[in-house]
């Protein structure tokens, strides 16, 4: 009688909650791709400098896949390397906006039933920031990612003030309009300009004695909820935020905090 062969051992598929490592060719191999610029010529010495830099940051086996001469002694590198560092997902503590995201129609019904009047929202890029794409995505009628902006909401009186609005001018307009919420977009982040500008706004609101009377929300590519809370804001939204997420947060929080 022939002895049947044992089936090959099937490797255990890691749980989604296991410690995770970067993925390159196979799961958990720790492979990463990084890019950076060094003030070195695009020559063998420059490539050696790039490899040594990657090793000193804690990565192993650096391999330069691309080196582009930027002129005047600068080179842009793309490097492939590996690490044995893992992240325990269960140990992460993340500050997030926890309100339920509703559709535009659901937001309108909520405001009609729970607030009974239009909610006034002012949005602006403040300080020297002239990048209006973020605030426009949330405020303008055409909206973002298939969703209409706050100007389209029947229950929201939305005022998009545009870009490079001084903080004191925004606060004065908030008083004039009896605003329920302010939305601040910050894209310019060189030398942490956004941090100084956002902090200055909170200082002005507190000096005017109106900080506690309205919601103040900030957003931008380097903004998250944790940073916003540290700066004295009520909430922070990062890239790819949709108008309905912001609208849902505003109307639910206004009711929760009895600000209407």
C-alpha atoms as a PDB file:
ATOM      1  CA  UNK A   1       0.000   0.000   0.000  1.00  0.00           C
ATOM      2  CA  UNK A   2       1.339   3.367  -0.971  1.00  0.00           C
ATOM      3  CA  UNK A   3       1.810   5.834   1.838  1.00  0.00           C
ATOM      4  CA  UNK A   4       0.023   9.081   1.094  1.00  0.00           C
ATOM      5  CA  UNK A   5       2.136  12.196   1.248  1.00  0.00           C
ATOM      6  CA  UNK A   6       1.408  14.737   3.917  1.00  0.00           C
ATOM      7  CA  UNK A   7      -0.014  17.977   2.508  1.00  0.00           C
ATOM      8  CA  UNK A   8       2.429  20.849   2.576  1.00  0.00           C
ATOM      9  CA  UNK A   9       2.284  22.986   5.681  1.00  0.00           C
ATOM     10  CA  UNK A  10       0.326  26.149   5.092  1.00  0.00           C
ATOM     11  CA  UNK A  11       1.947  29.158   6.758  1.00  0.00           C
ATOM     12  CA  UNK A  12      -0.214  30.903   9.290  1.00  0.00           C
ATOM     13  CA  UNK A  13      -1.680  34.144   8.025  1.00  0.00           C
ATOM     14  CA  UNK A  14      -0.911  36.881  10.545  1.00  0.00           C
ATOM     15  CA  UNK A  15      -3.847  38.561  12.193  1.00  0.00           C
ATOM     16  CA  UNK A  16      -4.561  42.126  11.151  1.00  0.00           C
ATOM     17  CA  UNK A  17      -3.951  43.103  14.779  1.00  0.00           C
ATOM     18  CA  UNK A  18      -0.477  41.546  14.968  1.00  0.00           C
ATOM     19  CA  UNK A  19       2.612  43.723  15.011  1.00  0.00           C
ATOM     20  CA  UNK A  20       3.141  45.080  11.539  1.00  0.00           C
ATOM     21  CA  UNK A  21       6.256  45.792   9.519  1.00  0.00           C
ATOM     22  CA  UNK A  22       6.646  47.501   6.152  1.00  0.00           C
ATOM     23  CA  UNK A  23       5.807  45.413   3.122  1.00  0.00           C
ATOM     24  CA  UNK A  24       7.995  45.276   0.017  1.00  0.00           C
ATOM     25  CA  UNK A  25       8.223  41.897  -1.706  1.00  0.00           C
ATOM     26  CA  UNK A  26       6.674  39.678   0.974  1.00  0.00           C
ATOM     27  CA  UNK A  27       4.597  40.453   4.031  1.00  0.00           C
ATOM     28  CA  UNK A  28       6.679  41.521   6.999  1.00  0.00           C
ATOM     29  CA  UNK A  29       9.982  41.778   5.124  1.00  0.00           C
ATOM     30  CA  UNK A  30      10.546  45.298   6.435  1.00  0.00           C
ATOM     31  CA  UNK A  31      11.360  46.767   3.028  1.00  0.00           C
ATOM     32  CA  UNK A  32      10.868  50.507   2.619  1.00  0.00           C
ATOM     33  CA  UNK A  33      11.416  53.049  -0.121  1.00  0.00           C
ATOM     34  CA  UNK A  34      12.525  56.544   0.834  1.00  0.00           C
ATOM     35  CA  UNK A  35      13.551  59.676  -1.011  1.00  0.00           C
ATOM     36  CA  UNK A  36      15.618  62.670   0.042  1.00  0.00           C
ATOM     37  CA  UNK A  37      18.017  65.324  -1.216  1.00  0.00           C
ATOM     38  CA  UNK A  38      21.616  65.731  -0.041  1.00  0.00           C
ATOM     39  CA  UNK A  39      23.981  68.639  -0.748  1.00  0.00           C
ATOM     40  CA  UNK A  40      26.436  66.349  -2.535  1.00  0.00           C
ATOM     41  CA  UNK A  41      27.426  65.873  -6.198  1.00  0.00           C
ATOM     42  CA  UNK A  42      25.825  63.066  -8.191  1.00  0.00           C
ATOM     43  CA  UNK A  43      28.949  60.895  -8.214  1.00  0.00           C
ATOM     44  CA  UNK A  44      30.251  57.779  -6.421  1.00  0.00           C
ATOM     45  CA  UNK A  45      31.124  59.781  -3.322  1.00  0.00           C
ATOM     46  CA  UNK A  46      27.626  61.272  -3.237  1.00  0.00           C
ATOM     47  CA  UNK A  47      26.038  57.839  -3.602  1.00  0.00           C
ATOM     48  CA  UNK A  48      28.208  56.502  -0.787  1.00  0.00           C
ATOM     49  CA  UNK A  49      27.109  59.446   1.380  1.00  0.00           C
ATOM     50  CA  UNK A  50      23.459  58.624   0.688  1.00  0.00           C
ATOM     51  CA  UNK A  51      23.929  54.957   1.616  1.00  0.00           C
ATOM     52  CA  UNK A  52      25.771  55.896   4.802  1.00  0.00           C
ATOM     53  CA  UNK A  53      23.036  58.367   5.728  1.00  0.00           C
ATOM     54  CA  UNK A  54      20.371  55.667   5.401  1.00  0.00           C
ATOM     55  CA  UNK A  55      22.394  53.255   7.530  1.00  0.00           C
ATOM     56  CA  UNK A  56      22.886  55.905  10.240  1.00  0.00           C
ATOM     57  CA  UNK A  57      19.107  56.414  10.434  1.00  0.00           C
ATOM     58  CA  UNK A  58      18.770  52.758  11.440  1.00  0.00           C
ATOM     59  CA  UNK A  59      17.947  51.034   8.147  1.00  0.00           C
ATOM     60  CA  UNK A  60      19.842  48.049   6.744  1.00  0.00           C
ATOM     61  CA  UNK A  61      21.103  47.083   3.297  1.00  0.00           C
ATOM     62  CA  UNK A  62      20.477  50.426   1.501  1.00  0.00           C
ATOM     63  CA  UNK A  63      20.284  50.206  -2.279  1.00  0.00           C
ATOM     64  CA  UNK A  64      20.165  53.333  -4.418  1.00  0.00           C
ATOM     65  CA  UNK A  65      17.589  52.913  -7.159  1.00  0.00           C
ATOM     66  CA  UNK A  66      17.648  56.448  -8.493  1.00  0.00           C
ATOM     67  CA  UNK A  67      20.005  59.428  -8.263  1.00  0.00           C
ATOM     68  CA  UNK A  68      19.190  62.702 -10.018  1.00  0.00           C
ATOM     69  CA  UNK A  69      21.630  65.581 -10.304  1.00  0.00           C
ATOM     70  CA  UNK A  70      19.779  68.734  -9.220  1.00  0.00           C
ATOM     71  CA  UNK A  71      22.670  71.027 -10.079  1.00  0.00           C
ATOM     72  CA  UNK A  72      24.961  73.155  -7.900  1.00  0.00           C
ATOM     73  CA  UNK A  73      26.123  70.189  -5.839  1.00  0.00           C
ATOM     74  CA  UNK A  74      22.719  68.729  -4.887  1.00  0.00           C
ATOM     75  CA  UNK A  75      21.434  65.230  -5.639  1.00  0.00           C
ATOM     76  CA  UNK A  76      18.000  63.658  -5.211  1.00  0.00           C
ATOM     77  CA  UNK A  77      18.055  59.995  -4.171  1.00  0.00           C
ATOM     78  CA  UNK A  78      15.509  57.188  -4.101  1.00  0.00           C
ATOM     79  CA  UNK A  79      16.726  54.386  -1.834  1.00  0.00           C
ATOM     80  CA  UNK A  80      15.416  50.906  -1.025  1.00  0.00           C
ATOM     81  CA  UNK A  81      16.299  49.566   2.446  1.00  0.00           C
ATOM     82  CA  UNK A  82      14.946  47.366   5.218  1.00  0.00           C
ATOM     83  CA  UNK A  83      14.167  47.473   8.937  1.00  0.00           C
ATOM     84  CA  UNK A  84      13.216  44.988  11.640  1.00  0.00           C
ATOM     85  CA  UNK A  85      11.156  47.552  13.569  1.00  0.00           C
ATOM     86  CA  UNK A  86       7.500  46.589  14.047  1.00  0.00           C
ATOM     87  CA  UNK A  87       4.463  48.532  15.200  1.00  0.00           C
ATOM     88  CA  UNK A  88       2.018  47.132  17.747  1.00  0.00           C
ATOM     89  CA  UNK A  89      -1.387  48.335  16.538  1.00  0.00           C
ATOM     90  CA  UNK A  90      -3.044  47.576  19.859  1.00  0.00           C
ATOM     91  CA  UNK A  91      -0.639  49.882  21.682  1.00  0.00           C
ATOM     92  CA  UNK A  92      -1.465  52.932  19.563  1.00  0.00           C
ATOM     93  CA  UNK A  93      -3.386  55.794  21.132  1.00  0.00           C
ATOM     94  CA  UNK A  94      -4.824  58.070  18.453  1.00  0.00           C
ATOM     95  CA  UNK A  95      -6.866  61.217  18.931  1.00  0.00           C
ATOM     96  CA  UNK A  96      -9.695  61.207  16.390  1.00  0.00           C
ATOM     97  CA  UNK A  97     -12.890  63.113  15.725  1.00  0.00           C
ATOM     98  CA  UNK A  98     -15.560  60.728  16.989  1.00  0.00           C
ATOM     99  CA  UNK A  99     -18.792  62.232  15.697  1.00  0.00           C
ATOM    100  CA  UNK A 100     -20.872  60.172  13.291  1.00  0.00           C
ATOM    101  CA  UNK A 101     -20.565  61.268   9.672  1.00  0.00           C
ATOM    102  CA  UNK A 102     -23.966  62.006   8.166  1.00  0.00           C
ATOM    103  CA  UNK A 103     -24.978  62.731   4.586  1.00  0.00           C
ATOM    104  CA  UNK A 104     -25.945  66.247   3.519  1.00  0.00           C
ATOM    105  CA  UNK A 105     -29.642  65.419   3.790  1.00  0.00           C
ATOM    106  CA  UNK A 106     -29.115  63.890   7.225  1.00  0.00           C
ATOM    107  CA  UNK A 107     -27.232  66.988   8.392  1.00  0.00           C
ATOM    108  CA  UNK A 108     -30.064  69.204   7.145  1.00  0.00           C
ATOM    109  CA  UNK A 109     -32.649  67.079   8.950  1.00  0.00           C
ATOM    110  CA  UNK A 110     -30.555  67.115  12.127  1.00  0.00           C
ATOM    111  CA  UNK A 111     -30.289  70.907  12.090  1.00  0.00           C
ATOM    112  CA  UNK A 112     -34.004  71.274  11.404  1.00  0.00           C
ATOM    113  CA  UNK A 113     -34.958  68.959  14.253  1.00  0.00           C
ATOM    114  CA  UNK A 114     -32.272  69.740  16.855  1.00  0.00           C
ATOM    115  CA  UNK A 115     -31.269  73.364  16.204  1.00  0.00           C
ATOM    116  CA  UNK A 116     -34.187  74.976  14.404  1.00  0.00           C
ATOM    117  CA  UNK A 117     -32.201  77.669  12.604  1.00  0.00           C
ATOM    118  CA  UNK A 118     -29.371  78.005  10.109  1.00  0.00           C
ATOM    119  CA  UNK A 119     -25.851  77.429  11.403  1.00  0.00           C
ATOM    120  CA  UNK A 120     -23.372  80.186  10.497  1.00  0.00           C
ATOM    121  CA  UNK A 121     -19.920  78.982   9.453  1.00  0.00           C
ATOM    122  CA  UNK A 122     -16.982  81.187   8.419  1.00  0.00           C
ATOM    123  CA  UNK A 123     -14.043  79.677   6.536  1.00  0.00           C
ATOM    124  CA  UNK A 124     -10.705  81.198   5.571  1.00  0.00           C
ATOM    125  CA  UNK A 125      -7.027  80.703   4.859  1.00  0.00           C
ATOM    126  CA  UNK A 126      -5.513  83.009   7.446  1.00  0.00           C
ATOM    127  CA  UNK A 127      -2.253  84.881   7.810  1.00  0.00           C
ATOM    128  CA  UNK A 128      -0.002  84.786   4.748  1.00  0.00           C
ATOM    129  CA  UNK A 129      -1.506  81.522   3.473  1.00  0.00           C
ATOM    130  CA  UNK A 130      -2.701  81.937  -0.118  1.00  0.00           C
ATOM    131  CA  UNK A 131      -3.589  78.288  -0.795  1.00  0.00           C
ATOM    132  CA  UNK A 132      -7.371  78.183  -0.933  1.00  0.00           C
ATOM    133  CA  UNK A 133      -7.846  74.703  -2.411  1.00  0.00           C
ATOM    134  CA  UNK A 134      -8.494  73.121   1.001  1.00  0.00           C
ATOM    135  CA  UNK A 135     -11.033  75.605   2.305  1.00  0.00           C
ATOM    136  CA  UNK A 136     -12.699  75.728  -1.125  1.00  0.00           C
ATOM    137  CA  UNK A 137     -13.094  71.933  -1.097  1.00  0.00           C
ATOM    138  CA  UNK A 138     -15.069  72.140   2.140  1.00  0.00           C
ATOM    139  CA  UNK A 139     -16.922  75.422   1.684  1.00  0.00           C
ATOM    140  CA  UNK A 140     -17.624  75.952  -2.014  1.00  0.00           C
ATOM    141  CA  UNK A 141     -20.849  74.713  -3.534  1.00  0.00           C
ATOM    142  CA  UNK A 142     -19.066  72.371  -5.951  1.00  0.00           C
ATOM    143  CA  UNK A 143     -17.400  70.621  -2.991  1.00  0.00           C
ATOM    144  CA  UNK A 144     -14.918  67.760  -3.144  1.00  0.00           C
ATOM    145  CA  UNK A 145     -14.775  64.052  -3.971  1.00  0.00           C
ATOM    146  CA  UNK A 146     -18.338  63.913  -5.253  1.00  0.00           C
ATOM    147  CA  UNK A 147     -19.808  65.816  -2.297  1.00  0.00           C
ATOM    148  CA  UNK A 148     -21.269  69.312  -2.302  1.00  0.00           C
ATOM    149  CA  UNK A 149     -19.604  71.902  -0.073  1.00  0.00           C
ATOM    150  CA  UNK A 150     -21.199  73.696   2.864  1.00  0.00           C
ATOM    151  CA  UNK A 151     -22.547  76.478   0.628  1.00  0.00           C
ATOM    152  CA  UNK A 152     -24.931  73.883  -0.796  1.00  0.00           C
ATOM    153  CA  UNK A 153     -26.362  72.914   2.587  1.00  0.00           C
ATOM    154  CA  UNK A 154     -29.775  74.501   3.152  1.00  0.00           C
ATOM    155  CA  UNK A 155     -29.170  74.492   6.907  1.00  0.00           C
ATOM    156  CA  UNK A 156     -25.784  76.260   6.817  1.00  0.00           C
ATOM    157  CA  UNK A 157     -25.060  79.909   6.153  1.00  0.00           C
ATOM    158  CA  UNK A 158     -21.552  79.493   4.790  1.00  0.00           C
ATOM    159  CA  UNK A 159     -19.153  82.405   4.263  1.00  0.00           C
ATOM    160  CA  UNK A 160     -15.901  81.578   2.463  1.00  0.00           C
ATOM    161  CA  UNK A 161     -13.679  84.589   3.165  1.00  0.00           C
ATOM    162  CA  UNK A 162     -10.891  83.352   0.919  1.00  0.00           C
ATOM    163  CA  UNK A 163      -7.158  83.547   1.503  1.00  0.00           C
ATOM    164  CA  UNK A 164      -4.617  85.682   3.374  1.00  0.00           C
ATOM    165  CA  UNK A 165      -7.208  86.827   5.893  1.00  0.00           C
ATOM    166  CA  UNK A 166      -5.616  88.397   9.002  1.00  0.00           C
ATOM    167  CA  UNK A 167      -6.641  86.719  12.237  1.00  0.00           C
ATOM    168  CA  UNK A 168      -8.050  89.910  13.729  1.00  0.00           C
ATOM    169  CA  UNK A 169     -10.150  90.511  10.601  1.00  0.00           C
ATOM    170  CA  UNK A 170     -11.562  86.984  10.827  1.00  0.00           C
ATOM    171  CA  UNK A 171     -12.446  87.462  14.489  1.00  0.00           C
ATOM    172  CA  UNK A 172     -14.148  90.789  13.745  1.00  0.00           C
ATOM    173  CA  UNK A 173     -16.184  89.126  10.999  1.00  0.00           C
ATOM    174  CA  UNK A 174     -17.094  86.275  13.344  1.00  0.00           C
ATOM    175  CA  UNK A 175     -18.523  88.796  15.800  1.00  0.00           C
ATOM    176  CA  UNK A 176     -20.359  90.641  13.015  1.00  0.00           C
ATOM    177  CA  UNK A 177     -21.940  87.464  11.644  1.00  0.00           C
ATOM    178  CA  UNK A 178     -22.567  85.925  15.106  1.00  0.00           C
ATOM    179  CA  UNK A 179     -20.737  82.837  13.830  1.00  0.00           C
ATOM    180  CA  UNK A 180     -21.305  79.387  15.249  1.00  0.00           C
ATOM    181  CA  UNK A 181     -18.066  77.928  13.854  1.00  0.00           C
ATOM    182  CA  UNK A 182     -14.795  78.989  12.231  1.00  0.00           C
ATOM    183  CA  UNK A 183     -12.944  76.786   9.731  1.00  0.00           C
ATOM    184  CA  UNK A 184      -9.262  77.620   9.295  1.00  0.00           C
ATOM    185  CA  UNK A 185      -7.201  76.120   6.468  1.00  0.00           C
ATOM    186  CA  UNK A 186      -3.402  76.120   6.749  1.00  0.00           C
ATOM    187  CA  UNK A 187      -1.240  74.811   3.927  1.00  0.00           C
ATOM    188  CA  UNK A 188       1.919  76.907   4.300  1.00  0.00           C
ATOM    189  CA  UNK A 189       4.012  75.117   6.937  1.00  0.00           C
ATOM    190  CA  UNK A 190       7.586  76.303   6.348  1.00  0.00           C
ATOM    191  CA  UNK A 191       9.295  77.188   9.618  1.00  0.00           C
ATOM    192  CA  UNK A 192       6.097  76.078  11.403  1.00  0.00           C
ATOM    193  CA  UNK A 193       4.279  79.190  10.226  1.00  0.00           C
ATOM    194  CA  UNK A 194       0.959  77.368  10.573  1.00  0.00           C
ATOM    195  CA  UNK A 195       1.557  76.693  14.266  1.00  0.00           C
ATOM    196  CA  UNK A 196       2.271  80.340  15.052  1.00  0.00           C
ATOM    197  CA  UNK A 197      -0.713  81.531  13.050  1.00  0.00           C
ATOM    198  CA  UNK A 198      -3.154  79.037  14.544  1.00  0.00           C
ATOM    199  CA  UNK A 199      -1.998  79.781  18.080  1.00  0.00           C
ATOM    200  CA  UNK A 200      -2.331  83.523  17.460  1.00  0.00           C
ATOM    201  CA  UNK A 201      -5.960  83.079  16.394  1.00  0.00           C
ATOM    202  CA  UNK A 202      -6.850  81.297  19.620  1.00  0.00           C
ATOM    203  CA  UNK A 203      -5.094  84.032  21.602  1.00  0.00           C
ATOM    204  CA  UNK A 204      -7.201  86.713  19.887  1.00  0.00           C
ATOM    205  CA  UNK A 205     -10.452  84.825  20.442  1.00  0.00           C
ATOM    206  CA  UNK A 206      -9.629  84.405  24.126  1.00  0.00           C
ATOM    207  CA  UNK A 207      -8.640  88.068  24.458  1.00  0.00           C
ATOM    208  CA  UNK A 208     -11.982  89.063  22.928  1.00  0.00           C
ATOM    209  CA  UNK A 209     -13.786  86.786  25.360  1.00  0.00           C
ATOM    210  CA  UNK A 210     -15.585  84.778  22.664  1.00  0.00           C
ATOM    211  CA  UNK A 211     -13.518  81.584  22.416  1.00  0.00           C
ATOM    212  CA  UNK A 212     -16.024  79.613  24.488  1.00  0.00           C
ATOM    213  CA  UNK A 213     -18.972  80.787  22.370  1.00  0.00           C
ATOM    214  CA  UNK A 214     -18.120  79.056  19.091  1.00  0.00           C
ATOM    215  CA  UNK A 215     -16.405  76.059  17.560  1.00  0.00           C
ATOM    216  CA  UNK A 216     -12.970  76.580  16.028  1.00  0.00           C
ATOM    217  CA  UNK A 217     -11.772  73.936  13.573  1.00  0.00           C
ATOM    218  CA  UNK A 218      -8.528  73.778  11.586  1.00  0.00           C
ATOM    219  CA  UNK A 219      -7.436  71.666   8.653  1.00  0.00           C
ATOM    220  CA  UNK A 220      -4.564  71.119   6.266  1.00  0.00           C
ATOM    221  CA  UNK A 221      -2.002  68.582   5.027  1.00  0.00           C
ATOM    222  CA  UNK A 222      -0.024  68.699   8.293  1.00  0.00           C
ATOM    223  CA  UNK A 223      -3.002  69.055  10.613  1.00  0.00           C
ATOM    224  CA  UNK A 224      -4.529  66.253  12.662  1.00  0.00           C
ATOM    225  CA  UNK A 225      -6.948  66.137  15.563  1.00  0.00           C
ATOM    226  CA  UNK A 226      -4.251  65.715  18.201  1.00  0.00           C
ATOM    227  CA  UNK A 227      -2.316  68.769  17.010  1.00  0.00           C
ATOM    228  CA  UNK A 228      -5.508  70.824  16.835  1.00  0.00           C
ATOM    229  CA  UNK A 229      -6.378  69.995  20.429  1.00  0.00           C
ATOM    230  CA  UNK A 230      -2.857  70.921  21.569  1.00  0.00           C
ATOM    231  CA  UNK A 231      -3.219  74.327  19.898  1.00  0.00           C
ATOM    232  CA  UNK A 232      -6.552  75.033  21.590  1.00  0.00           C
ATOM    233  CA  UNK A 233      -8.884  74.148  18.702  1.00  0.00           C
ATOM    234  CA  UNK A 234     -11.958  71.964  18.999  1.00  0.00           C
ATOM    235  CA  UNK A 235     -11.059  69.662  16.118  1.00  0.00           C
ATOM    236  CA  UNK A 236      -8.539  69.116  13.354  1.00  0.00           C
ATOM    237  CA  UNK A 237      -8.996  67.498   9.957  1.00  0.00           C
ATOM    238  CA  UNK A 238      -6.235  66.327   7.626  1.00  0.00           C
ATOM    239  CA  UNK A 239      -5.995  65.606   3.914  1.00  0.00           C
ATOM    240  CA  UNK A 240      -8.947  63.988   2.091  1.00  0.00           C
ATOM    241  CA  UNK A 241     -11.517  65.284   4.577  1.00  0.00           C
ATOM    242  CA  UNK A 242     -14.960  65.647   2.979  1.00  0.00           C
ATOM    243  CA  UNK A 243     -17.546  68.406   3.518  1.00  0.00           C
ATOM    244  CA  UNK A 244     -19.986  66.010   5.190  1.00  0.00           C
ATOM    245  CA  UNK A 245     -17.402  65.050   7.821  1.00  0.00           C
ATOM    246  CA  UNK A 246     -16.902  68.686   8.785  1.00  0.00           C
ATOM    247  CA  UNK A 247     -20.605  69.548   8.658  1.00  0.00           C
ATOM    248  CA  UNK A 248     -21.505  66.510  10.766  1.00  0.00           C
ATOM    249  CA  UNK A 249     -18.933  67.412  13.385  1.00  0.00           C
ATOM    250  CA  UNK A 250     -20.056  71.031  13.595  1.00  0.00           C
ATOM    251  CA  UNK A 251     -23.790  70.483  13.973  1.00  0.00           C
ATOM    252  CA  UNK A 252     -23.544  67.552  16.383  1.00  0.00           C
ATOM    253  CA  UNK A 253     -20.961  69.279  18.570  1.00  0.00           C
ATOM    254  CA  UNK A 254     -22.924  72.519  18.695  1.00  0.00           C
ATOM    255  CA  UNK A 255     -25.882  70.593  20.120  1.00  0.00           C
ATOM    256  CA  UNK A 256     -23.731  68.478  22.427  1.00  0.00           C
ATOM    257  CA  UNK A 257     -22.084  71.564  23.951  1.00  0.00           C
ATOM    258  CA  UNK A 258     -25.312  73.545  24.029  1.00  0.00           C
ATOM    259  CA  UNK A 259     -23.893  76.323  21.871  1.00  0.00           C
ATOM    260  CA  UNK A 260     -27.149  76.843  19.948  1.00  0.00           C
END
